[in-house]
Amino acid sequence: MDGPKDQSDTLDRMLAAAAAARANAHAPYSNFKVGACLRGDSGRLFAGCNVENAAYPMGQCAEATALGALVAAGDKRVLECAVVAEGGRLTTPCGGCRQRLSEFAGPEIKVHICDPEGPRWSVTLGELLPHSFGREHLER
Protein backbone atom coordinates (compact mmCIF):
# COMPACT_ATOMS: atom_id res chain seq x y z
CA MET A 1 0.00 0.00 0.00
CA ASP A 2 1.21 3.49 -0.79
CA GLY A 3 2.40 5.46 2.20
CA PRO A 4 2.33 9.25 2.64
CA LYS A 5 5.77 9.65 0.99
CA ASP A 6 4.68 7.61 -2.06
CA GLN A 7 1.47 9.64 -2.32
CA SER A 8 3.44 12.89 -2.07
CA ASP A 9 5.90 11.73 -4.74
CA THR A 10 3.03 10.75 -7.04
CA LEU A 11 1.32 14.10 -6.59
CA ASP A 12 4.62 15.89 -7.26
CA ARG A 13 5.02 13.91 -10.51
CA MET A 14 1.41 14.66 -11.46
CA LEU A 15 1.91 18.38 -10.86
CA ALA A 16 5.10 18.39 -12.93
CA ALA A 17 3.34 16.61 -15.81
CA ALA A 18 0.34 18.96 -15.64
CA ALA A 19 2.60 22.02 -15.54
CA ALA A 20 4.60 20.78 -18.53
CA ALA A 21 1.39 20.16 -20.49
CA ARG A 22 0.08 23.59 -19.47
CA ALA A 23 3.20 25.19 -20.96
CA ASN A 24 2.16 23.70 -24.32
CA ALA A 25 -1.48 24.81 -24.15
CA HIS A 26 -2.92 26.37 -27.30
CA ALA A 27 -4.82 29.32 -25.84
CA PRO A 28 -4.46 32.21 -28.32
CA TYR A 29 -7.99 33.52 -27.66
CA SER A 30 -8.34 33.44 -23.88
CA ASN A 31 -4.63 33.30 -23.02
CA PHE A 32 -5.79 31.11 -20.11
CA LYS A 33 -3.58 28.04 -20.08
CA VAL A 34 -4.58 24.93 -18.15
CA GLY A 35 -2.79 21.63 -17.63
CA ALA A 36 -4.20 18.43 -16.17
CA CYS A 37 -2.76 15.08 -15.19
CA LEU A 38 -4.65 11.89 -14.47
CA ARG A 39 -3.34 8.79 -12.70
CA GLY A 40 -4.81 5.78 -14.42
CA ASP A 41 -5.56 2.32 -13.05
CA SER A 42 -2.22 1.09 -14.43
CA GLY A 43 -0.41 3.67 -12.29
CA ARG A 44 0.70 5.58 -15.39
CA LEU A 45 0.23 9.32 -15.62
CA PHE A 46 -1.56 11.04 -18.51
CA ALA A 47 -1.25 14.78 -19.05
CA GLY A 48 -3.21 17.14 -21.23
CA CYS A 49 -3.63 20.83 -21.93
CA ASN A 50 -6.43 23.01 -23.22
CA VAL A 51 -6.58 23.40 -26.99
CA GLU A 52 -8.65 26.37 -28.15
CA ASN A 53 -10.16 26.87 -31.57
CA ALA A 54 -11.46 29.98 -33.33
CA ALA A 55 -14.81 28.16 -33.44
CA TYR A 56 -15.11 28.30 -29.65
CA PRO A 57 -17.33 25.27 -29.02
CA MET A 58 -14.73 23.09 -30.71
CA GLY A 59 -12.05 23.80 -28.12
CA GLN A 60 -10.98 21.13 -25.69
CA CYS A 61 -10.28 21.32 -21.96
CA ALA A 62 -7.08 19.99 -20.42
CA GLU A 63 -8.98 17.27 -18.56
CA ALA A 64 -10.62 16.05 -21.78
CA THR A 65 -7.23 15.92 -23.51
CA ALA A 66 -5.78 13.88 -20.64
CA LEU A 67 -8.79 11.54 -20.65
CA GLY A 68 -8.30 10.90 -24.36
CA ALA A 69 -4.67 9.96 -23.74
CA LEU A 70 -5.67 7.67 -20.87
CA VAL A 71 -8.27 5.84 -22.97
CA ALA A 72 -6.01 5.63 -26.03
CA ALA A 73 -3.31 4.00 -23.88
CA GLY A 74 -5.76 1.34 -22.67
CA ASP A 75 -6.43 2.44 -19.11
CA LYS A 76 -10.04 2.18 -17.96
CA ARG A 77 -10.20 4.11 -14.67
CA VAL A 78 -9.01 7.41 -13.26
CA LEU A 79 -7.64 7.12 -9.73
CA GLU A 80 -6.57 10.74 -9.17
CA CYS A 81 -6.62 14.09 -10.97
CA ALA A 82 -4.54 17.28 -10.78
CA VAL A 83 -5.43 20.54 -12.54
CA VAL A 84 -2.95 23.43 -12.83
CA ALA A 85 -3.88 26.97 -13.86
CA GLU A 86 -2.85 30.48 -12.96
CA GLY A 87 -5.04 33.31 -11.77
CA GLY A 88 -6.56 34.96 -8.76
CA ARG A 89 -9.12 32.19 -8.24
CA LEU A 90 -8.90 28.43 -7.98
CA THR A 91 -9.60 26.75 -11.31
CA THR A 92 -11.74 23.66 -10.90
CA PRO A 93 -12.78 21.39 -13.79
CA CYS A 94 -15.74 22.80 -15.71
CA GLY A 95 -19.10 21.06 -15.48
CA GLY A 96 -18.53 19.12 -18.69
CA CYS A 97 -15.17 17.83 -17.48
CA ARG A 98 -16.63 16.88 -14.12
CA GLN A 99 -19.11 14.73 -16.03
CA ARG A 100 -16.33 13.34 -18.27
CA LEU A 101 -14.26 12.42 -15.21
CA SER A 102 -17.26 10.72 -13.60
CA GLU A 103 -17.45 8.35 -16.58
CA PHE A 104 -14.02 6.97 -15.63
CA ALA A 105 -13.80 7.62 -11.88
CA GLY A 106 -15.75 7.10 -8.71
CA PRO A 107 -16.96 9.94 -6.52
CA GLU A 108 -14.18 9.20 -4.01
CA ILE A 109 -11.21 10.12 -6.22
CA LYS A 110 -9.18 13.17 -5.25
CA VAL A 111 -9.11 16.17 -7.56
CA HIS A 112 -6.18 18.44 -6.70
CA ILE A 113 -6.70 22.07 -7.67
CA CYS A 114 -3.31 23.71 -8.14
CA ASP A 115 -1.58 26.85 -9.27
CA PRO A 116 2.01 26.92 -10.57
CA GLU A 117 3.27 26.95 -6.97
CA GLY A 118 1.52 23.70 -6.04
CA PRO A 119 -1.70 22.29 -4.60
CA ARG A 120 -4.21 24.76 -3.18
CA TRP A 121 -7.25 22.55 -2.55
CA SER A 122 -7.96 18.83 -2.71
CA VAL A 123 -11.56 17.75 -3.04
CA THR A 124 -13.36 14.58 -4.10
CA LEU A 125 -15.06 14.30 -7.46
CA GLY A 126 -18.29 13.62 -5.56
CA GLU A 127 -17.99 16.97 -3.81
CA LEU A 128 -17.43 18.69 -7.17
CA LEU A 129 -20.28 16.82 -8.86
CA PRO A 130 -22.91 15.81 -6.31
CA HIS A 131 -25.88 13.75 -7.49
CA SER A 132 -24.15 13.00 -10.78
CA PHE A 133 -25.77 11.31 -13.76
CA GLY A 134 -24.14 8.04 -14.71
CA ARG A 135 -24.42 4.65 -16.33
CA GLU A 136 -26.71 3.40 -13.56
CA HIS A 137 -29.36 5.90 -14.67
CA LEU A 138 -29.49 4.25 -18.08
CA GLU A 139 -30.03 0.71 -16.77
CA ARG A 140 -33.54 -0.68 -16.95
C-alpha atoms as a PDB file:
ATOM      1  CA  MET A   1       0.000   0.000   0.000  1.00  0.00           C
ATOM      2  CA  ASP A   2       1.209   3.494  -0.787  1.00  0.00           C
ATOM      3  CA  GLY A   3       2.401   5.465   2.199  1.00  0.00           C
ATOM      4  CA  PRO A   4       2.332   9.253   2.636  1.00  0.00           C
ATOM      5  CA  LYS A   5       5.767   9.650   0.986  1.00  0.00           C
ATOM      6  CA  ASP A   6       4.683   7.611  -2.057  1.00  0.00           C
ATOM      7  CA  GLN A   7       1.473   9.641  -2.319  1.00  0.00           C
ATOM      8  CA  SER A   8       3.442  12.892  -2.071  1.00  0.00           C
ATOM      9  CA  ASP A   9       5.901  11.730  -4.738  1.00  0.00           C
ATOM     10  CA  THR A  10       3.027  10.749  -7.039  1.00  0.00           C
ATOM     11  CA  LEU A  11       1.319  14.104  -6.590  1.00  0.00           C
ATOM     12  CA  ASP A  12       4.619  15.890  -7.264  1.00  0.00           C
ATOM     13  CA  ARG A  13       5.017  13.914 -10.505  1.00  0.00           C
ATOM     14  CA  MET A  14       1.406  14.660 -11.456  1.00  0.00           C
ATOM     15  CA  LEU A  15       1.909  18.382 -10.862  1.00  0.00           C
ATOM     16  CA  ALA A  16       5.100  18.391 -12.927  1.00  0.00           C
ATOM     17  CA  ALA A  17       3.336  16.611 -15.806  1.00  0.00           C
ATOM     18  CA  ALA A  18       0.336  18.958 -15.641  1.00  0.00           C
ATOM     19  CA  ALA A  19       2.601  22.023 -15.538  1.00  0.00           C
ATOM     20  CA  ALA A  20       4.597  20.776 -18.527  1.00  0.00           C
ATOM     21  CA  ALA A  21       1.388  20.159 -20.490  1.00  0.00           C
ATOM     22  CA  ARG A  22       0.079  23.589 -19.467  1.00  0.00           C
ATOM     23  CA  ALA A  23       3.196  25.194 -20.958  1.00  0.00           C
ATOM     24  CA  ASN A  24       2.163  23.696 -24.317  1.00  0.00           C
ATOM     25  CA  ALA A  25      -1.478  24.806 -24.148  1.00  0.00           C
ATOM     26  CA  HIS A  26      -2.922  26.366 -27.295  1.00  0.00           C
ATOM     27  CA  ALA A  27      -4.821  29.320 -25.836  1.00  0.00           C
ATOM     28  CA  PRO A  28      -4.463  32.210 -28.320  1.00  0.00           C
ATOM     29  CA  TYR A  29      -7.989  33.519 -27.663  1.00  0.00           C
ATOM     30  CA  SER A  30      -8.339  33.436 -23.876  1.00  0.00           C
ATOM     31  CA  ASN A  31      -4.626  33.302 -23.016  1.00  0.00           C
ATOM     32  CA  PHE A  32      -5.795  31.105 -20.113  1.00  0.00           C
ATOM     33  CA  LYS A  33      -3.579  28.041 -20.075  1.00  0.00           C
ATOM     34  CA  VAL A  34      -4.585  24.929 -18.153  1.00  0.00           C
ATOM     35  CA  GLY A  35      -2.791  21.629 -17.632  1.00  0.00           C
ATOM     36  CA  ALA A  36      -4.201  18.430 -16.174  1.00  0.00           C
ATOM     37  CA  CYS A  37      -2.764  15.084 -15.189  1.00  0.00           C
ATOM     38  CA  LEU A  38      -4.651  11.885 -14.466  1.00  0.00           C
ATOM     39  CA  ARG A  39      -3.344   8.790 -12.700  1.00  0.00           C
ATOM     40  CA  GLY A  40      -4.809   5.777 -14.420  1.00  0.00           C
ATOM     41  CA  ASP A  41      -5.557   2.323 -13.055  1.00  0.00           C
ATOM     42  CA  SER A  42      -2.221   1.094 -14.434  1.00  0.00           C
ATOM     43  CA  GLY A  43      -0.405   3.669 -12.292  1.00  0.00           C
ATOM     44  CA  ARG A  44       0.698   5.577 -15.388  1.00  0.00           C
ATOM     45  CA  LEU A  45       0.229   9.324 -15.625  1.00  0.00           C
ATOM     46  CA  PHE A  46      -1.565  11.035 -18.514  1.00  0.00           C
ATOM     47  CA  ALA A  47      -1.247  14.782 -19.046  1.00  0.00           C
ATOM     48  CA  GLY A  48      -3.208  17.142 -21.229  1.00  0.00           C
ATOM     49  CA  CYS A  49      -3.634  20.835 -21.928  1.00  0.00           C
ATOM     50  CA  ASN A  50      -6.430  23.008 -23.216  1.00  0.00           C
ATOM     51  CA  VAL A  51      -6.584  23.398 -26.990  1.00  0.00           C
ATOM     52  CA  GLU A  52      -8.648  26.374 -28.146  1.00  0.00           C
ATOM     53  CA  ASN A  53     -10.160  26.867 -31.572  1.00  0.00           C
ATOM     54  CA  ALA A  54     -11.459  29.985 -33.328  1.00  0.00           C
ATOM     55  CA  ALA A  55     -14.812  28.161 -33.444  1.00  0.00           C
ATOM     56  CA  TYR A  56     -15.115  28.305 -29.645  1.00  0.00           C
ATOM     57  CA  PRO A  57     -17.327  25.269 -29.023  1.00  0.00           C
ATOM     58  CA  MET A  58     -14.731  23.088 -30.714  1.00  0.00           C
ATOM     59  CA  GLY A  59     -12.045  23.805 -28.123  1.00  0.00           C
ATOM     60  CA  GLN A  60     -10.979  21.125 -25.688  1.00  0.00           C
ATOM     61  CA  CYS A  61     -10.280  21.324 -21.965  1.00  0.00           C
ATOM     62  CA  ALA A  62      -7.085  19.985 -20.424  1.00  0.00           C
ATOM     63  CA  GLU A  63      -8.979  17.267 -18.556  1.00  0.00           C
ATOM     64  CA  ALA A  64     -10.624  16.053 -21.781  1.00  0.00           C
ATOM     65  CA  THR A  65      -7.231  15.922 -23.514  1.00  0.00           C
ATOM     66  CA  ALA A  66      -5.777  13.883 -20.639  1.00  0.00           C
ATOM     67  CA  LEU A  67      -8.791  11.536 -20.653  1.00  0.00           C
ATOM     68  CA  GLY A  68      -8.300  10.901 -24.361  1.00  0.00           C
ATOM     69  CA  ALA A  69      -4.666   9.964 -23.743  1.00  0.00           C
ATOM     70  CA  LEU A  70      -5.672   7.666 -20.874  1.00  0.00           C
ATOM     71  CA  VAL A  71      -8.268   5.836 -22.971  1.00  0.00           C
ATOM     72  CA  ALA A  72      -6.008   5.634 -26.031  1.00  0.00           C
ATOM     73  CA  ALA A  73      -3.314   4.004 -23.876  1.00  0.00           C
ATOM     74  CA  GLY A  74      -5.760   1.342 -22.671  1.00  0.00           C
ATOM     75  CA  ASP A  75      -6.431   2.444 -19.109  1.00  0.00           C
ATOM     76  CA  LYS A  76     -10.038   2.177 -17.960  1.00  0.00           C
ATOM     77  CA  ARG A  77     -10.199   4.108 -14.671  1.00  0.00           C
ATOM     78  CA  VAL A  78      -9.008   7.415 -13.259  1.00  0.00           C
ATOM     79  CA  LEU A  79      -7.638   7.120  -9.734  1.00  0.00           C
ATOM     80  CA  GLU A  80      -6.569  10.737  -9.169  1.00  0.00           C
ATOM     81  CA  CYS A  81      -6.622  14.091 -10.969  1.00  0.00           C
ATOM     82  CA  ALA A  82      -4.542  17.279 -10.778  1.00  0.00           C
ATOM     83  CA  VAL A  83      -5.426  20.542 -12.541  1.00  0.00           C
ATOM     84  CA  VAL A  84      -2.949  23.432 -12.830  1.00  0.00           C
ATOM     85  CA  ALA A  85      -3.883  26.972 -13.860  1.00  0.00           C
ATOM     86  CA  GLU A  86      -2.853  30.481 -12.961  1.00  0.00           C
ATOM     87  CA  GLY A  87      -5.038  33.309 -11.771  1.00  0.00           C
ATOM     88  CA  GLY A  88      -6.562  34.960  -8.763  1.00  0.00           C
ATOM     89  CA  ARG A  89      -9.124  32.190  -8.238  1.00  0.00           C
ATOM     90  CA  LEU A  90      -8.900  28.430  -7.981  1.00  0.00           C
ATOM     91  CA  THR A  91      -9.602  26.753 -11.313  1.00  0.00           C
ATOM     92  CA  THR A  92     -11.736  23.657 -10.904  1.00  0.00           C
ATOM     93  CA  PRO A  93     -12.777  21.392 -13.786  1.00  0.00           C
ATOM     94  CA  CYS A  94     -15.736  22.799 -15.708  1.00  0.00           C
ATOM     95  CA  GLY A  95     -19.103  21.061 -15.481  1.00  0.00           C
ATOM     96  CA  GLY A  96     -18.525  19.121 -18.693  1.00  0.00           C
ATOM     97  CA  CYS A  97     -15.170  17.833 -17.476  1.00  0.00           C
ATOM     98  CA  ARG A  98     -16.626  16.877 -14.118  1.00  0.00           C
ATOM     99  CA  GLN A  99     -19.111  14.726 -16.031  1.00  0.00           C
ATOM    100  CA  ARG A 100     -16.331  13.342 -18.266  1.00  0.00           C
ATOM    101  CA  LEU A 101     -14.261  12.422 -15.213  1.00  0.00           C
ATOM    102  CA  SER A 102     -17.263  10.715 -13.595  1.00  0.00           C
ATOM    103  CA  GLU A 103     -17.449   8.351 -16.581  1.00  0.00           C
ATOM    104  CA  PHE A 104     -14.020   6.967 -15.628  1.00  0.00           C
ATOM    105  CA  ALA A 105     -13.801   7.624 -11.876  1.00  0.00           C
ATOM    106  CA  GLY A 106     -15.753   7.100  -8.711  1.00  0.00           C
ATOM    107  CA  PRO A 107     -16.955   9.939  -6.523  1.00  0.00           C
ATOM    108  CA  GLU A 108     -14.182   9.199  -4.014  1.00  0.00           C
ATOM    109  CA  ILE A 109     -11.210  10.116  -6.219  1.00  0.00           C
ATOM    110  CA  LYS A 110      -9.183  13.170  -5.250  1.00  0.00           C
ATOM    111  CA  VAL A 111      -9.110  16.169  -7.560  1.00  0.00           C
ATOM    112  CA  HIS A 112      -6.181  18.441  -6.702  1.00  0.00           C
ATOM    113  CA  ILE A 113      -6.700  22.067  -7.670  1.00  0.00           C
ATOM    114  CA  CYS A 114      -3.313  23.710  -8.135  1.00  0.00           C
ATOM    115  CA  ASP A 115      -1.584  26.852  -9.268  1.00  0.00           C
ATOM    116  CA  PRO A 116       2.011  26.919 -10.568  1.00  0.00           C
ATOM    117  CA  GLU A 117       3.268  26.951  -6.971  1.00  0.00           C
ATOM    118  CA  GLY A 118       1.517  23.700  -6.043  1.00  0.00           C
ATOM    119  CA  PRO A 119      -1.698  22.290  -4.600  1.00  0.00           C
ATOM    120  CA  ARG A 120      -4.207  24.760  -3.180  1.00  0.00           C
ATOM    121  CA  TRP A 121      -7.245  22.553  -2.549  1.00  0.00           C
ATOM    122  CA  SER A 122      -7.957  18.831  -2.715  1.00  0.00           C
ATOM    123  CA  VAL A 123     -11.563  17.746  -3.044  1.00  0.00           C
ATOM    124  CA  THR A 124     -13.357  14.577  -4.101  1.00  0.00           C
ATOM    125  CA  LEU A 125     -15.057  14.303  -7.459  1.00  0.00           C
ATOM    126  CA  GLY A 126     -18.293  13.615  -5.557  1.00  0.00           C
ATOM    127  CA  GLU A 127     -17.989  16.970  -3.812  1.00  0.00           C
ATOM    128  CA  LEU A 128     -17.430  18.690  -7.168  1.00  0.00           C
ATOM    129  CA  LEU A 129     -20.282  16.819  -8.863  1.00  0.00           C
ATOM    130  CA  PRO A 130     -22.907  15.813  -6.312  1.00  0.00           C
ATOM    131  CA  HIS A 131     -25.879  13.754  -7.491  1.00  0.00           C
ATOM    132  CA  SER A 132     -24.148  12.998 -10.780  1.00  0.00           C
ATOM    133  CA  PHE A 133     -25.769  11.311 -13.763  1.00  0.00           C
ATOM    134  CA  GLY A 134     -24.140   8.038 -14.712  1.00  0.00           C
ATOM    135  CA  ARG A 135     -24.418   4.647 -16.328  1.00  0.00           C
ATOM    136  CA  GLU A 136     -26.706   3.401 -13.561  1.00  0.00           C
ATOM    137  CA  HIS A 137     -29.357   5.900 -14.669  1.00  0.00           C
ATOM    138  CA  LEU A 138     -29.490   4.249 -18.081  1.00  0.00           C
ATOM    139  CA  GLU A 139     -30.026   0.711 -16.768  1.00  0.00           C
ATOM    140  CA  ARG A 140     -33.543  -0.676 -16.945  1.00  0.00           C
END
